[in-house]
Each structure stands twice: as C-alpha cells, then as structure tokens.
Amino acid sequence: MVNGKALILATKQYAHDYSTASWWAIFSTLILLAAAMAGAALSTHWIFQLGCSVMMSLLLVRFFVIYHDHQHHAILPHSKFLKVAMRVWGMIALTPNGIWTHSHNHHHNHNSKLKVPPFGSFPVMTAERYLQATRQERFFYEINRHPITILCGYFTAFVFGMCIAPFFEKHRKHQDCLAALLVHAAIYTVLGLIFGLQAMFFAWFLPQFFAGALGAYLFYAQHNFPTVTYLDRDGWTYEGAALQSSSYCKMGPLMNYFTANIGYHHIHHLNSKIPFYRLPEVYRSMPELQTPKTTSLKFKDISSCLSLHVWDPAQQRMISRREMYALAA
C-alpha cells in the first residue's frame, strides 16, 4: 500500500494510451453519433425522434469526455490531425480549446481549495463566509449552485460560461469563443433550412440540452457530495484532493460507456494522463484506489448532492441551507 506522491508515481505505468483503442473510441462514437443525429433529423415520428435525441445526448457526453481526455494529452497526444479536429470539435461543443484548457487546468491544480477563486468549478463558501456575504454575493452564489442552473447547463455552463462571458471579458484573447457561437448558430440554421424546425429541435437543441444537463450535474457531483473534503491552502496536497475531494460515481456498464468512465473521477484527478478506457484497469489493479468516496446516479444520491449548500469547517462536511441557518441561530 502506497500513499502520497508515491501513489501518483505508481499510476504512471498506466498513463499511456493504445493508439488503436483511442482511434476506435473516436470513430465508433462518431459513427453512432451521426446515426443518432440522422435518425432524429429524418424520422417523421416524434417518439422515434425523441429516442434518437436521448441516444445522441448520451453519445455527446461520451465524445465530450474523449475530447476532455485529448486536452489532457491522455490519448493520441502526437497526432497533428486530431489536434486540429479536436479544436473544431471544441467549437462545435461550445468548449473552445483556449478557455477550456485554461479553466480545466486551474480546476485540477486547485481542486477543493476554499480560498482560491472557483474558476472552472462550482463555488463553495464556508457557512461563516456565506452569512457575512453581501446580498449580491449571496445571490450569485445561489444562482451558480442552483439545481435549475445545473439543469440548464447547456445555456449556463456552455453558452454563457464557456463562450459569452470569456469573450466579453477578454475579446481579443478569446475570439474562438465567438467563433464557437457562430459555428453553433450555423448548425441550427442549416438544420432548420434543410430539414425543418422539428428536425432542428430533435437533432440538435434537445440533445445539446440533455447532454449539457447531464454533463453539468456530473461535474457538480464529482466535487459536491456528502463526504467531500475542502481545505485551505495549508494542508492541501494534489493526491489528497484527488482522493478526498473527488468522487467515484458508481454506474453500470452502459452508463460507464456513455460517460467514458468519468465516474472514476478520483483516479482521473490523481493522474489526468491516464486514458479513460484504462481507468477501470487502474481501479482493479491498485487496492489504494478501491475504497473511494462515492456517489451514484440514483435519485437519493442526486437529491443529497443537490441539497448541499456550504462547507462547515467545524463539522468538516458540506451542509444544507437549513442546517446552516440552524447553526447560526
């Protein structure tokens, strides 16, 4: 049994990809995605279109995680063709390469630090800090963490958070954010003109909305769950944040496929260069990683995660709004 930095070093043997497996994951997912999109656009019955929309949304989540792995240089890091292709995909998926890489690297390097700006993640206040906050600060904190904000992740996290806000903040640096919005709008226009509004709704808007909601919730729950640990800068370690502040989301084989094993999030945070298809292998091979803090996609666990509001240092746990006001009283 190893721990600390030795644990990170022990995972390095898994931090290389198999090019055949990586290309197969990319092309097989794209073929299924194209088939689901065609079904949603060309079918004349709304029930079949809805089924294709749901399938497409799940495949969008899978391909987003593949894109995410490529940005971490976990798969095919030396392919010039894929580098260009993934930049294009980043714009289609409303996650331009520049802002996504910057915000996500910040998230990995500062995961669970209380006194670091929550760039690239959901904000977390202590109970004391929240009770001392201004009305405006509370308002924006509530909005950022509200379940409706997570449900509408397509608009809040992707359209606004990854494109509109960065562009207006630094428009010269983030011109690819504007390009992403224009590409997205062009897809809507082409689908609407060629196939009609119903096809546009089922073949693009609905899958994007479903995928955005699932993606936003997964990202939220991976670091906002009942047994999560938050720290100040003192005492924070990279491996400690991976194991104590990142969840293992228990899923069945089907959802592990559609989410590209992102549920093994504690391992991903321990070493982000491990390809997604090798995460279960690492889990099976290393006893140190087999007793993580867990959550799931069951309604009870989703409700528990969404009810969390602030961090209570005294109890060393996240608490709900009701608990916070009871303690204050």
Protein backbone atom coordinates (compact mmCIF):
# COMPACT_ATOMS: atom_id res chain seq x y z
CA MET A 1 0.00 0.00 0.00
CA VAL A 2 1.46 3.33 -1.06
CA ASN A 3 0.29 6.89 -0.46
CA GLY A 4 1.28 10.49 -1.03
CA LYS A 5 3.34 11.29 -4.09
CA ALA A 6 4.36 7.64 -4.33
CA LEU A 7 0.75 6.87 -5.21
CA ILE A 8 0.87 9.27 -8.15
CA LEU A 9 4.13 7.69 -9.31
CA ALA A 10 2.55 4.24 -9.07
CA THR A 11 -0.10 5.28 -11.62
CA LYS A 12 2.40 6.42 -14.23
CA GLN A 13 2.66 2.96 -15.76
CA TYR A 14 -0.98 3.37 -16.88
CA ALA A 15 -0.53 6.90 -18.24
CA HIS A 16 -0.06 5.98 -21.88
CA ASP A 17 -2.66 5.14 -24.48
CA TYR A 18 -3.11 2.37 -27.01
CA SER A 19 -3.48 4.19 -30.33
CA THR A 20 -5.77 1.54 -31.83
CA ALA A 21 -8.12 1.70 -28.84
CA SER A 22 -8.10 5.51 -28.92
CA TRP A 23 -8.90 5.75 -32.64
CA TRP A 24 -11.59 3.07 -32.28
CA ALA A 25 -13.23 5.01 -29.43
CA ILE A 26 -13.23 8.19 -31.52
CA PHE A 27 -14.52 6.78 -34.81
CA SER A 28 -17.05 4.33 -33.33
CA THR A 29 -18.55 7.10 -31.19
CA LEU A 30 -18.72 9.48 -34.15
CA ILE A 31 -20.44 6.84 -36.31
CA LEU A 32 -23.05 6.18 -33.62
CA LEU A 33 -23.46 9.92 -33.08
CA ALA A 34 -24.03 10.51 -36.79
CA ALA A 35 -26.57 7.66 -36.93
CA ALA A 36 -28.49 9.03 -33.94
CA MET A 37 -28.46 12.53 -35.40
CA ALA A 38 -29.70 11.23 -38.77
CA GLY A 39 -32.50 9.34 -37.05
CA ALA A 40 -33.55 12.45 -35.12
CA ALA A 41 -33.48 14.62 -38.25
CA LEU A 42 -35.03 12.28 -40.81
CA SER A 43 -37.67 10.37 -38.87
CA THR A 44 -41.26 11.55 -39.30
CA HIS A 45 -42.49 10.28 -35.90
CA TRP A 46 -41.68 12.37 -32.84
CA ILE A 47 -41.36 9.35 -30.50
CA PHE A 48 -38.57 7.87 -32.62
CA GLN A 49 -37.02 11.33 -32.88
CA LEU A 50 -37.10 11.69 -29.10
CA GLY A 51 -35.41 8.30 -28.66
CA CYS A 52 -32.69 9.32 -31.11
CA SER A 53 -32.30 12.64 -29.27
CA VAL A 54 -31.70 10.87 -25.97
CA MET A 55 -29.20 8.50 -27.60
CA MET A 56 -27.44 11.42 -29.25
CA SER A 57 -27.22 13.33 -25.96
CA LEU A 58 -25.55 10.36 -24.25
CA LEU A 59 -23.10 10.00 -27.13
CA LEU A 60 -22.36 13.73 -26.95
CA VAL A 61 -21.40 13.25 -23.30
CA ARG A 62 -19.16 10.32 -24.26
CA PHE A 63 -17.43 12.27 -27.01
CA PHE A 64 -17.03 15.28 -24.75
CA VAL A 65 -15.08 13.11 -22.28
CA ILE A 66 -12.98 11.82 -25.17
CA TYR A 67 -12.29 15.45 -26.14
CA HIS A 68 -11.51 16.17 -22.48
CA ASP A 69 -9.00 13.29 -22.44
CA HIS A 70 -7.33 14.58 -25.56
CA GLN A 71 -6.99 18.03 -23.99
CA HIS A 72 -5.22 16.36 -21.06
CA HIS A 73 -2.89 14.66 -23.61
CA ALA A 74 -4.11 11.30 -22.34
CA ILE A 75 -4.95 9.96 -25.82
CA LEU A 76 -3.11 10.38 -29.13
CA PRO A 77 -1.05 13.36 -27.92
CA HIS A 78 1.20 13.38 -31.01
CA SER A 79 -1.49 13.32 -33.72
CA LYS A 80 -1.46 16.66 -35.57
CA PHE A 81 -4.65 15.74 -37.42
CA LEU A 82 -6.52 15.01 -34.20
CA LYS A 83 -5.24 18.22 -32.62
CA VAL A 84 -6.88 20.25 -35.39
CA ALA A 85 -10.02 18.07 -35.43
CA MET A 86 -10.49 18.43 -31.68
CA ARG A 87 -10.13 22.21 -31.91
CA VAL A 88 -13.00 22.16 -34.39
CA TRP A 89 -15.00 19.86 -32.12
CA GLY A 90 -14.34 22.17 -29.19
CA MET A 91 -16.10 24.95 -31.05
CA ILE A 92 -18.99 22.69 -32.06
CA ALA A 93 -19.35 21.58 -28.44
CA LEU A 94 -19.18 25.18 -27.12
CA THR A 95 -15.93 24.44 -25.27
CA PRO A 96 -13.25 26.30 -27.25
CA ASN A 97 -9.78 24.92 -26.71
CA GLY A 98 -8.28 28.02 -25.12
CA ILE A 99 -10.83 28.72 -22.39
CA TRP A 100 -11.50 25.03 -21.68
CA THR A 101 -7.83 24.14 -21.22
CA HIS A 102 -7.15 27.17 -19.04
CA SER A 103 -10.19 26.76 -16.79
CA HIS A 104 -9.91 22.97 -16.51
CA ASN A 105 -6.21 23.01 -15.67
CA HIS A 106 -6.96 25.59 -12.99
CA HIS A 107 -9.64 23.26 -11.63
CA HIS A 108 -7.23 20.31 -11.43
CA ASN A 109 -4.48 22.35 -9.79
CA HIS A 110 -6.76 23.94 -7.19
CA ASN A 111 -9.46 21.31 -6.65
CA SER A 112 -11.12 21.73 -3.21
CA LYS A 113 -9.11 24.82 -2.16
CA LEU A 114 -11.52 27.09 -0.31
CA LYS A 115 -9.63 30.36 -0.71
CA VAL A 116 -8.91 30.10 -4.41
CA PRO A 117 -11.31 31.70 -6.94
CA PRO A 118 -13.61 28.97 -8.31
CA PHE A 119 -12.55 29.42 -11.92
CA GLY A 120 -13.66 26.34 -13.85
CA SER A 121 -15.70 24.85 -11.00
CA PHE A 122 -18.73 25.48 -8.80
CA PRO A 123 -18.12 27.99 -5.97
CA VAL A 124 -18.03 26.80 -2.36
CA MET A 125 -18.30 29.13 0.63
CA THR A 126 -17.90 28.32 4.29
CA ALA A 127 -21.02 28.83 6.43
CA GLU A 128 -19.40 31.82 8.15
CA ARG A 129 -18.37 33.42 4.86
CA TYR A 130 -21.89 32.98 3.44
CA LEU A 131 -23.58 34.54 6.47
CA GLN A 132 -21.23 37.53 6.24
CA ALA A 133 -21.64 37.93 2.48
CA THR A 134 -23.49 40.81 0.85
CA ARG A 135 -26.85 40.25 -0.79
CA GLN A 136 -25.21 40.44 -4.21
CA GLU A 137 -22.57 37.86 -3.27
CA ARG A 138 -25.23 35.53 -1.90
CA PHE A 139 -27.36 35.99 -5.00
CA PHE A 140 -24.59 34.99 -7.40
CA TYR A 141 -23.54 32.11 -5.14
CA GLU A 142 -27.11 30.81 -5.04
CA ILE A 143 -27.51 31.19 -8.82
CA ASN A 144 -24.27 29.35 -9.56
CA ARG A 145 -25.18 26.34 -7.41
CA HIS A 146 -28.94 26.21 -8.03
CA PRO A 147 -30.36 22.93 -9.45
CA ILE A 148 -32.07 24.86 -12.26
CA THR A 149 -28.69 26.30 -13.24
CA ILE A 150 -27.31 22.77 -13.44
CA LEU A 151 -30.37 21.51 -15.34
CA CYS A 152 -29.91 24.35 -17.85
CA GLY A 153 -26.18 23.65 -18.15
CA TYR A 154 -26.38 23.97 -21.94
CA PHE A 155 -27.12 27.67 -21.52
CA THR A 156 -25.45 28.45 -18.19
CA ALA A 157 -22.23 26.43 -18.30
CA PHE A 158 -21.59 26.21 -22.04
CA VAL A 159 -23.26 29.05 -23.99
CA PHE A 160 -22.68 31.65 -21.29
CA GLY A 161 -19.89 30.28 -19.09
CA MET A 162 -17.58 28.90 -21.80
CA CYS A 163 -18.35 31.33 -24.63
CA ILE A 164 -20.19 34.59 -23.92
CA ALA A 165 -18.57 35.52 -20.59
CA PRO A 166 -14.94 34.87 -21.62
CA PHE A 167 -15.41 36.69 -24.92
CA PHE A 168 -16.81 39.84 -23.32
CA GLU A 169 -14.19 39.70 -20.57
CA LYS A 170 -11.19 39.41 -22.94
CA HIS A 171 -12.49 39.51 -26.51
CA ARG A 172 -9.06 39.64 -28.15
CA LYS A 173 -7.80 36.61 -26.26
CA HIS A 174 -10.97 34.55 -26.65
CA GLN A 175 -12.03 35.13 -30.25
CA ASP A 176 -12.53 31.36 -30.57
CA CYS A 177 -15.43 31.76 -28.12
CA LEU A 178 -17.21 33.98 -30.64
CA ALA A 179 -16.31 31.52 -33.40
CA ALA A 180 -17.88 28.71 -31.35
CA LEU A 181 -21.14 30.64 -31.02
CA LEU A 182 -21.19 31.38 -34.75
CA VAL A 183 -20.49 27.72 -35.64
CA HIS A 184 -23.25 26.63 -33.28
CA ALA A 185 -25.67 29.13 -34.80
CA ALA A 186 -24.71 27.96 -38.29
CA ILE A 187 -25.59 24.36 -37.38
CA TYR A 188 -29.01 25.48 -36.17
CA THR A 189 -29.55 27.46 -39.37
CA VAL A 190 -28.51 24.66 -41.73
CA LEU A 191 -30.62 22.05 -39.94
CA GLY A 192 -33.63 24.36 -39.84
CA LEU A 193 -33.42 25.34 -43.51
CA ILE A 194 -32.80 21.84 -44.85
CA PHE A 195 -34.80 19.61 -42.51
CA GLY A 196 -37.23 21.98 -40.79
CA LEU A 197 -37.73 23.28 -37.28
CA GLN A 198 -38.87 19.96 -35.80
CA ALA A 199 -35.76 18.21 -37.06
CA MET A 200 -33.60 21.05 -35.75
CA PHE A 201 -35.24 20.71 -32.33
CA PHE A 202 -34.80 16.94 -32.05
CA ALA A 203 -31.47 16.62 -33.88
CA TRP A 204 -29.61 19.47 -32.21
CA PHE A 205 -31.30 21.52 -29.49
CA LEU A 206 -32.72 18.66 -27.39
CA PRO A 207 -29.54 16.52 -27.47
CA GLN A 208 -27.45 19.58 -26.58
CA PHE A 209 -29.81 20.44 -23.72
CA PHE A 210 -29.87 16.87 -22.30
CA ALA A 211 -26.10 16.49 -22.68
CA GLY A 212 -25.49 19.87 -21.05
CA ALA A 213 -27.68 18.96 -18.07
CA LEU A 214 -26.02 15.57 -17.54
CA GLY A 215 -22.54 16.99 -18.06
CA ALA A 216 -23.10 19.89 -15.67
CA TYR A 217 -24.53 17.58 -13.00
CA LEU A 218 -21.68 15.09 -13.28
CA PHE A 219 -19.14 17.87 -12.93
CA TYR A 220 -21.03 19.26 -9.93
CA ALA A 221 -21.45 15.91 -8.16
CA GLN A 222 -17.82 14.91 -8.69
CA HIS A 223 -16.80 17.58 -6.16
CA ASN A 224 -20.03 18.33 -4.29
CA PHE A 225 -21.14 15.20 -2.47
CA PRO A 226 -21.92 14.48 1.21
CA THR A 227 -18.48 13.13 2.20
CA VAL A 228 -16.35 15.60 0.23
CA THR A 229 -13.47 17.37 1.98
CA TYR A 230 -12.48 21.01 1.40
CA LEU A 231 -9.26 22.62 2.59
CA ASP A 232 -7.47 25.93 2.77
CA ARG A 233 -4.12 26.22 1.04
CA ASP A 234 -2.37 24.89 4.15
CA GLY A 235 -2.51 21.12 4.28
CA TRP A 236 -3.66 20.81 0.67
CA THR A 237 -1.98 18.17 -1.47
CA TYR A 238 -2.69 17.14 -5.03
CA GLU A 239 -3.16 13.46 -4.19
CA GLY A 240 -5.20 14.29 -1.09
CA ALA A 241 -7.60 16.42 -3.15
CA ALA A 242 -7.92 13.60 -5.68
CA LEU A 243 -8.89 11.00 -3.08
CA GLN A 244 -10.76 13.12 -0.53
CA SER A 245 -12.42 15.72 -2.73
CA SER A 246 -13.23 13.79 -5.93
CA SER A 247 -15.94 11.17 -6.04
CA TYR A 248 -16.25 7.74 -7.57
CA CYS A 249 -19.68 7.75 -9.21
CA LYS A 250 -20.97 4.19 -9.26
CA MET A 251 -22.57 3.35 -12.60
CA GLY A 252 -23.45 0.24 -14.56
CA PRO A 253 -21.55 -0.83 -17.69
CA LEU A 254 -23.91 1.06 -20.02
CA MET A 255 -23.58 4.42 -18.28
CA ASN A 256 -19.84 3.87 -17.85
CA TYR A 257 -19.74 3.56 -21.65
CA PHE A 258 -21.79 6.69 -22.29
CA THR A 259 -19.82 8.73 -19.74
CA ALA A 260 -16.47 7.26 -20.88
CA ASN A 261 -15.64 6.15 -17.32
CA ILE A 262 -15.66 9.70 -15.96
CA GLY A 263 -17.20 8.20 -12.80
CA TYR A 264 -13.70 7.03 -11.83
CA HIS A 265 -13.03 10.66 -11.10
CA HIS A 266 -10.75 10.16 -8.11
CA ILE A 267 -8.32 8.27 -10.36
CA HIS A 268 -8.60 10.85 -13.12
CA HIS A 269 -7.69 13.60 -10.66
CA LEU A 270 -4.80 11.57 -9.34
CA ASN A 271 -3.32 11.27 -12.83
CA SER A 272 -5.16 13.05 -15.65
CA LYS A 273 -2.95 11.47 -18.31
CA ILE A 274 -4.48 8.02 -17.83
CA PRO A 275 -6.77 7.30 -20.84
CA PHE A 276 -10.44 6.93 -19.92
CA TYR A 277 -10.57 3.31 -21.11
CA ARG A 278 -7.76 2.37 -18.70
CA LEU A 279 -9.35 3.84 -15.56
CA PRO A 280 -11.21 0.60 -14.64
CA GLU A 281 -7.90 -1.27 -15.08
CA VAL A 282 -6.21 1.07 -12.61
CA TYR A 283 -9.11 0.69 -10.18
CA ARG A 284 -8.84 -3.12 -10.29
CA SER A 285 -5.05 -3.13 -10.03
CA MET A 286 -4.48 -0.71 -7.14
CA PRO A 287 -6.07 -1.54 -3.74
CA GLU A 288 -5.33 2.03 -2.57
CA LEU A 289 -7.96 3.30 -5.01
CA GLN A 290 -10.69 0.76 -4.26
CA THR A 291 -12.21 2.49 -1.22
CA PRO A 292 -13.04 5.96 -2.60
CA LYS A 293 -15.72 8.37 -1.52
CA THR A 294 -18.74 7.50 -3.62
CA THR A 295 -21.95 8.79 -5.09
CA SER A 296 -24.25 7.49 -7.83
CA LEU A 297 -26.96 8.50 -10.30
CA LYS A 298 -29.71 7.16 -8.04
CA PHE A 299 -32.38 9.71 -7.17
CA LYS A 300 -31.48 9.60 -3.45
CA ASP A 301 -27.83 10.42 -4.13
CA ILE A 302 -28.67 13.13 -6.67
CA SER A 303 -31.01 14.75 -4.14
CA SER A 304 -28.32 14.55 -1.44
CA CYS A 305 -25.73 16.22 -3.66
CA LEU A 306 -28.07 18.99 -4.80
CA SER A 307 -29.11 19.81 -1.21
CA LEU A 308 -25.54 20.70 -0.20
CA HIS A 309 -25.01 24.42 0.24
CA VAL A 310 -21.94 25.48 2.24
CA TRP A 311 -18.87 23.98 3.91
CA ASP A 312 -18.89 23.80 7.72
CA PRO A 313 -15.27 23.68 8.97
CA ALA A 314 -16.36 22.67 12.48
CA GLN A 315 -18.09 19.51 11.25
CA GLN A 316 -15.73 19.07 8.29
CA ARG A 317 -18.58 18.48 5.89
CA MET A 318 -20.92 20.18 3.44
CA ILE A 319 -24.26 21.13 4.96
CA SER A 320 -27.65 22.22 3.64
CA ARG A 321 -29.13 25.71 3.85
CA ARG A 322 -31.45 24.56 6.64
CA GLU A 323 -28.56 23.18 8.70
CA MET A 324 -26.58 26.37 8.17
CA TYR A 325 -29.39 28.60 9.49
CA ALA A 326 -30.00 26.23 12.40
CA LEU A 327 -26.33 26.50 13.39
CA ALA A 328 -26.42 30.27 13.02
CA ALA A 329 -29.47 30.50 15.26
